[in-house]
Amino acid sequence: MATQSPSSDSNAKLMALLAYVIAPIGGIIILLMDTMKNDPVLRKHAVQSIAFSVPIIILSVVLSFVFIGVCIGLIGWIIQVYWGIQAYQGKDVTIPVVTDFCKKQNWF
């Protein structure tokens, strides 16, 4: 279900896109900047991108000696680009396990 986000500023949309495409660095930058970390939509995208990308990077590095590690990293990045495009369009991105986990931890 795609709902429109309350943040429609083009800069906020671009930062939401970058949070996913250059994750986890993009998400960390958003959380460190005072003007962006107070925006609940950007905070959600930043936290979700970090929570998804860090385990994917770790899994990819651990399995890098096998071809499957490269595939996991590439597929994970392609999925994040798709979510970034969705965020840029102003849609609410819901990552099946990650979004629920982040909500339970009160990260956003």
N, C-alpha and C. Protein backbone atom coordinates (compact mmCIF):
# COMPACT_ATOMS: atom_id res chain seq x y z
N MET A 1 0.84 -1.16 0.00
CA MET A 1 0.00 0.00 0.00
C MET A 1 0.89 1.23 0.00
N ALA A 2 0.72 2.08 -0.96
CA ALA A 2 1.56 3.26 -1.11
C ALA A 2 0.77 4.50 -0.72
N THR A 3 1.27 5.18 0.31
CA THR A 3 0.65 6.43 0.72
C THR A 3 1.63 7.56 0.46
N GLN A 4 1.10 8.74 0.27
CA GLN A 4 1.94 9.89 0.01
C GLN A 4 2.57 10.36 1.32
N SER A 5 3.84 10.71 1.25
CA SER A 5 4.53 11.19 2.44
C SER A 5 4.23 12.68 2.62
N PRO A 6 4.24 13.16 3.86
CA PRO A 6 3.97 14.57 4.09
C PRO A 6 5.12 15.46 3.64
N SER A 7 6.28 14.91 3.44
CA SER A 7 7.44 15.69 3.02
C SER A 7 7.54 15.66 1.50
N SER A 8 7.19 16.78 0.85
CA SER A 8 7.18 16.80 -0.61
C SER A 8 8.27 17.70 -1.18
N ASP A 9 9.12 18.25 -0.35
CA ASP A 9 10.21 19.09 -0.81
C ASP A 9 11.16 18.26 -1.69
N SER A 10 11.61 18.84 -2.80
CA SER A 10 12.46 18.10 -3.72
C SER A 10 13.80 17.72 -3.08
N ASN A 11 14.31 18.56 -2.18
CA ASN A 11 15.55 18.23 -1.48
C ASN A 11 15.34 17.01 -0.57
N ALA A 12 14.21 16.98 0.12
CA ALA A 12 13.92 15.85 0.99
C ALA A 12 13.73 14.57 0.19
N LYS A 13 13.10 14.69 -0.98
CA LYS A 13 12.93 13.52 -1.84
C LYS A 13 14.28 13.00 -2.33
N LEU A 14 15.16 13.91 -2.70
CA LEU A 14 16.49 13.51 -3.16
C LEU A 14 17.27 12.84 -2.03
N MET A 15 17.19 13.38 -0.83
CA MET A 15 17.89 12.78 0.30
C MET A 15 17.32 11.41 0.65
N ALA A 16 16.00 11.23 0.50
CA ALA A 16 15.40 9.91 0.72
C ALA A 16 15.92 8.91 -0.31
N LEU A 17 16.05 9.35 -1.55
CA LEU A 17 16.62 8.49 -2.59
C LEU A 17 18.05 8.12 -2.25
N LEU A 18 18.85 9.10 -1.87
CA LEU A 18 20.25 8.84 -1.56
C LEU A 18 20.43 7.98 -0.31
N ALA A 19 19.47 8.04 0.61
CA ALA A 19 19.56 7.21 1.81
C ALA A 19 19.59 5.73 1.43
N TYR A 20 18.85 5.36 0.39
CA TYR A 20 18.82 3.96 -0.04
C TYR A 20 19.95 3.63 -1.01
N VAL A 21 20.23 4.53 -1.96
CA VAL A 21 21.18 4.21 -3.02
C VAL A 21 22.61 4.15 -2.49
N ILE A 22 22.99 5.04 -1.59
CA ILE A 22 24.34 5.00 -1.04
C ILE A 22 24.32 4.60 0.44
N ALA A 23 23.46 3.65 0.74
CA ALA A 23 23.33 3.17 2.12
C ALA A 23 24.57 2.38 2.51
N PRO A 24 24.95 2.39 3.74
CA PRO A 24 24.41 3.07 4.91
C PRO A 24 24.92 4.50 5.09
N ILE A 25 25.85 4.93 4.26
CA ILE A 25 26.44 6.27 4.41
C ILE A 25 25.38 7.37 4.27
N GLY A 26 24.48 7.24 3.29
CA GLY A 26 23.43 8.24 3.10
C GLY A 26 22.53 8.37 4.30
N GLY A 27 22.15 7.24 4.89
CA GLY A 27 21.32 7.27 6.08
C GLY A 27 22.02 7.88 7.28
N ILE A 28 23.30 7.58 7.42
CA ILE A 28 24.07 8.15 8.52
C ILE A 28 24.18 9.66 8.38
N ILE A 29 24.41 10.13 7.15
CA ILE A 29 24.50 11.58 6.91
C ILE A 29 23.18 12.26 7.29
N ILE A 30 22.07 11.65 6.91
CA ILE A 30 20.76 12.23 7.25
C ILE A 30 20.58 12.31 8.76
N LEU A 31 20.95 11.25 9.47
CA LEU A 31 20.77 11.24 10.92
C LEU A 31 21.73 12.18 11.65
N LEU A 32 22.83 12.55 11.01
CA LEU A 32 23.77 13.47 11.65
C LEU A 32 23.44 14.94 11.40
N MET A 33 22.68 15.23 10.35
CA MET A 33 22.35 16.62 10.04
C MET A 33 21.10 17.04 10.81
N ASP A 34 21.20 18.12 11.57
CA ASP A 34 20.10 18.57 12.43
C ASP A 34 18.84 18.90 11.64
N THR A 35 18.99 19.51 10.49
CA THR A 35 17.81 19.92 9.73
C THR A 35 17.05 18.73 9.16
N MET A 36 17.75 17.63 8.89
CA MET A 36 17.09 16.48 8.27
C MET A 36 16.63 15.44 9.28
N LYS A 37 17.34 15.29 10.38
CA LYS A 37 16.96 14.22 11.32
C LYS A 37 15.65 14.51 12.04
N ASN A 38 15.19 15.77 12.01
CA ASN A 38 13.92 16.11 12.64
C ASN A 38 12.72 15.86 11.73
N ASP A 39 12.95 15.61 10.45
CA ASP A 39 11.88 15.28 9.51
C ASP A 39 11.55 13.79 9.68
N PRO A 40 10.33 13.46 10.13
CA PRO A 40 10.01 12.06 10.41
C PRO A 40 10.08 11.15 9.18
N VAL A 41 9.78 11.68 8.01
CA VAL A 41 9.83 10.87 6.79
C VAL A 41 11.28 10.55 6.44
N LEU A 42 12.14 11.55 6.47
CA LEU A 42 13.56 11.31 6.18
C LEU A 42 14.19 10.40 7.22
N ARG A 43 13.81 10.58 8.47
CA ARG A 43 14.34 9.73 9.54
C ARG A 43 13.96 8.28 9.30
N LYS A 44 12.71 8.04 8.89
CA LYS A 44 12.27 6.68 8.63
C LYS A 44 13.07 6.05 7.49
N HIS A 45 13.25 6.80 6.40
CA HIS A 45 14.01 6.27 5.27
C HIS A 45 15.47 6.01 5.67
N ALA A 46 16.05 6.91 6.45
CA ALA A 46 17.44 6.75 6.86
C ALA A 46 17.61 5.51 7.74
N VAL A 47 16.75 5.35 8.72
CA VAL A 47 16.85 4.22 9.63
C VAL A 47 16.61 2.90 8.90
N GLN A 48 15.61 2.87 8.03
CA GLN A 48 15.34 1.65 7.27
C GLN A 48 16.50 1.28 6.36
N SER A 49 17.09 2.27 5.71
CA SER A 49 18.19 1.97 4.80
C SER A 49 19.39 1.42 5.55
N ILE A 50 19.67 1.96 6.73
CA ILE A 50 20.78 1.47 7.54
C ILE A 50 20.47 0.06 8.05
N ALA A 51 19.26 -0.13 8.56
CA ALA A 51 18.88 -1.43 9.13
C ALA A 51 18.84 -2.54 8.07
N PHE A 52 18.60 -2.19 6.82
CA PHE A 52 18.62 -3.20 5.76
C PHE A 52 20.02 -3.42 5.21
N SER A 53 20.76 -2.34 4.99
CA SER A 53 22.03 -2.46 4.28
C SER A 53 23.16 -3.05 5.12
N VAL A 54 23.19 -2.78 6.42
CA VAL A 54 24.28 -3.29 7.24
C VAL A 54 24.29 -4.83 7.27
N PRO A 55 23.17 -5.50 7.54
CA PRO A 55 23.22 -6.97 7.49
C PRO A 55 23.54 -7.52 6.10
N ILE A 56 23.06 -6.85 5.05
CA ILE A 56 23.36 -7.30 3.69
C ILE A 56 24.85 -7.17 3.41
N ILE A 57 25.46 -6.07 3.83
CA ILE A 57 26.90 -5.88 3.63
C ILE A 57 27.69 -6.93 4.40
N ILE A 58 27.31 -7.18 5.65
CA ILE A 58 28.01 -8.18 6.46
C ILE A 58 27.88 -9.56 5.83
N LEU A 59 26.67 -9.92 5.42
CA LEU A 59 26.45 -11.22 4.79
C LEU A 59 27.23 -11.34 3.49
N SER A 60 27.27 -10.29 2.73
CA SER A 60 27.99 -10.29 1.46
C SER A 60 29.50 -10.44 1.68
N VAL A 61 30.03 -9.77 2.69
CA VAL A 61 31.46 -9.87 2.97
C VAL A 61 31.81 -11.26 3.49
N VAL A 62 30.99 -11.79 4.38
CA VAL A 62 31.25 -13.13 4.94
C VAL A 62 31.22 -14.19 3.84
N LEU A 63 30.30 -14.05 2.91
CA LEU A 63 30.17 -15.04 1.84
C LEU A 63 30.89 -14.62 0.55
N SER A 64 31.79 -13.66 0.66
CA SER A 64 32.44 -13.15 -0.55
C SER A 64 33.38 -14.16 -1.20
N PHE A 65 33.84 -15.15 -0.45
CA PHE A 65 34.70 -16.16 -1.05
C PHE A 65 33.92 -17.10 -1.95
N VAL A 66 32.62 -17.06 -1.84
CA VAL A 66 31.74 -17.84 -2.70
C VAL A 66 30.98 -16.85 -3.58
N PHE A 67 30.65 -17.24 -4.76
CA PHE A 67 29.97 -16.35 -5.70
C PHE A 67 28.64 -15.83 -5.15
N ILE A 68 28.02 -16.58 -4.26
CA ILE A 68 26.72 -16.17 -3.71
C ILE A 68 26.83 -14.86 -2.93
N GLY A 69 27.98 -14.59 -2.33
CA GLY A 69 28.16 -13.33 -1.60
C GLY A 69 28.08 -12.13 -2.52
N VAL A 70 28.65 -12.25 -3.71
CA VAL A 70 28.59 -11.17 -4.69
C VAL A 70 27.14 -10.98 -5.15
N CYS A 71 26.45 -12.08 -5.37
CA CYS A 71 25.05 -12.01 -5.80
C CYS A 71 24.17 -11.36 -4.74
N ILE A 72 24.39 -11.71 -3.49
CA ILE A 72 23.59 -11.13 -2.40
C ILE A 72 23.80 -9.62 -2.35
N GLY A 73 25.04 -9.19 -2.45
CA GLY A 73 25.33 -7.76 -2.43
C GLY A 73 24.70 -7.02 -3.60
N LEU A 74 24.79 -7.59 -4.79
CA LEU A 74 24.23 -6.96 -5.99
C LEU A 74 22.71 -6.91 -5.94
N ILE A 75 22.09 -8.01 -5.56
CA ILE A 75 20.63 -8.05 -5.46
C ILE A 75 20.14 -7.08 -4.38
N GLY A 76 20.84 -7.04 -3.26
CA GLY A 76 20.48 -6.11 -2.19
C GLY A 76 20.54 -4.67 -2.66
N TRP A 77 21.58 -4.32 -3.44
CA TRP A 77 21.70 -2.95 -3.93
C TRP A 77 20.61 -2.62 -4.95
N ILE A 78 20.27 -3.57 -5.81
CA ILE A 78 19.21 -3.35 -6.79
C ILE A 78 17.87 -3.11 -6.08
N ILE A 79 17.61 -3.88 -5.04
CA ILE A 79 16.38 -3.69 -4.26
C ILE A 79 16.37 -2.30 -3.61
N GLN A 80 17.52 -1.88 -3.10
CA GLN A 80 17.60 -0.57 -2.46
C GLN A 80 17.40 0.56 -3.47
N VAL A 81 17.88 0.39 -4.68
CA VAL A 81 17.64 1.40 -5.72
C VAL A 81 16.14 1.50 -5.99
N TYR A 82 15.45 0.37 -6.04
CA TYR A 82 14.00 0.38 -6.25
C TYR A 82 13.30 1.12 -5.11
N TRP A 83 13.69 0.83 -3.88
CA TRP A 83 13.09 1.52 -2.73
C TRP A 83 13.42 3.00 -2.76
N GLY A 84 14.62 3.35 -3.20
CA GLY A 84 15.00 4.76 -3.33
C GLY A 84 14.13 5.49 -4.33
N ILE A 85 13.84 4.83 -5.45
CA ILE A 85 12.95 5.43 -6.46
C ILE A 85 11.55 5.61 -5.88
N GLN A 86 11.08 4.62 -5.13
CA GLN A 86 9.77 4.74 -4.49
C GLN A 86 9.75 5.91 -3.50
N ALA A 87 10.82 6.06 -2.74
CA ALA A 87 10.91 7.16 -1.78
C ALA A 87 10.97 8.50 -2.50
N TYR A 88 11.68 8.56 -3.62
CA TYR A 88 11.77 9.80 -4.39
C TYR A 88 10.41 10.21 -4.94
N GLN A 89 9.58 9.23 -5.26
CA GLN A 89 8.25 9.51 -5.77
C GLN A 89 7.28 9.90 -4.66
N GLY A 90 7.73 9.87 -3.42
CA GLY A 90 6.89 10.28 -2.29
C GLY A 90 6.08 9.15 -1.70
N LYS A 91 6.37 7.93 -2.08
CA LYS A 91 5.62 6.79 -1.55
C LYS A 91 6.24 6.31 -0.24
N ASP A 92 5.41 5.70 0.58
CA ASP A 92 5.86 5.15 1.84
C ASP A 92 6.50 3.79 1.57
N VAL A 93 7.77 3.64 1.91
CA VAL A 93 8.50 2.40 1.67
C VAL A 93 8.36 1.52 2.91
N THR A 94 7.84 0.33 2.73
CA THR A 94 7.71 -0.62 3.82
C THR A 94 8.53 -1.86 3.47
N ILE A 95 9.58 -2.09 4.23
CA ILE A 95 10.44 -3.26 4.05
C ILE A 95 9.91 -4.33 5.00
N PRO A 96 9.52 -5.51 4.47
CA PRO A 96 8.77 -6.49 5.26
C PRO A 96 9.24 -6.73 6.69
N VAL A 97 10.43 -7.15 6.94
CA VAL A 97 10.87 -7.46 8.30
C VAL A 97 11.50 -6.24 8.96
N VAL A 98 12.21 -5.47 8.19
CA VAL A 98 12.98 -4.35 8.73
C VAL A 98 12.09 -3.26 9.31
N THR A 99 11.01 -2.90 8.62
CA THR A 99 10.13 -1.84 9.11
C THR A 99 9.51 -2.21 10.45
N ASP A 100 9.03 -3.44 10.58
CA ASP A 100 8.46 -3.88 11.86
C ASP A 100 9.50 -3.88 12.97
N PHE A 101 10.72 -4.35 12.66
CA PHE A 101 11.79 -4.37 13.65
C PHE A 101 12.12 -2.96 14.12
N CYS A 102 12.24 -2.03 13.18
CA CYS A 102 12.58 -0.64 13.54
C CYS A 102 11.47 0.02 14.36
N LYS A 103 10.22 -0.29 14.05
CA LYS A 103 9.11 0.25 14.84
C LYS A 103 9.12 -0.30 16.26
N LYS A 104 9.41 -1.59 16.41
CA LYS A 104 9.47 -2.19 17.75
C LYS A 104 10.61 -1.61 18.58
N GLN A 105 11.69 -1.21 17.92
CA GLN A 105 12.83 -0.61 18.62
C GLN A 105 12.63 0.88 18.88
N ASN A 106 11.51 1.45 18.39
CA ASN A 106 11.22 2.89 18.49
C ASN A 106 12.31 3.74 17.86
N TRP A 107 12.83 3.30 16.72
CA TRP A 107 13.86 4.06 16.02
C TRP A 107 13.25 5.15 15.16
N PHE A 108 11.97 5.05 14.86
CA PHE A 108 11.27 6.12 14.15
C PHE A 108 9.83 6.12 14.54
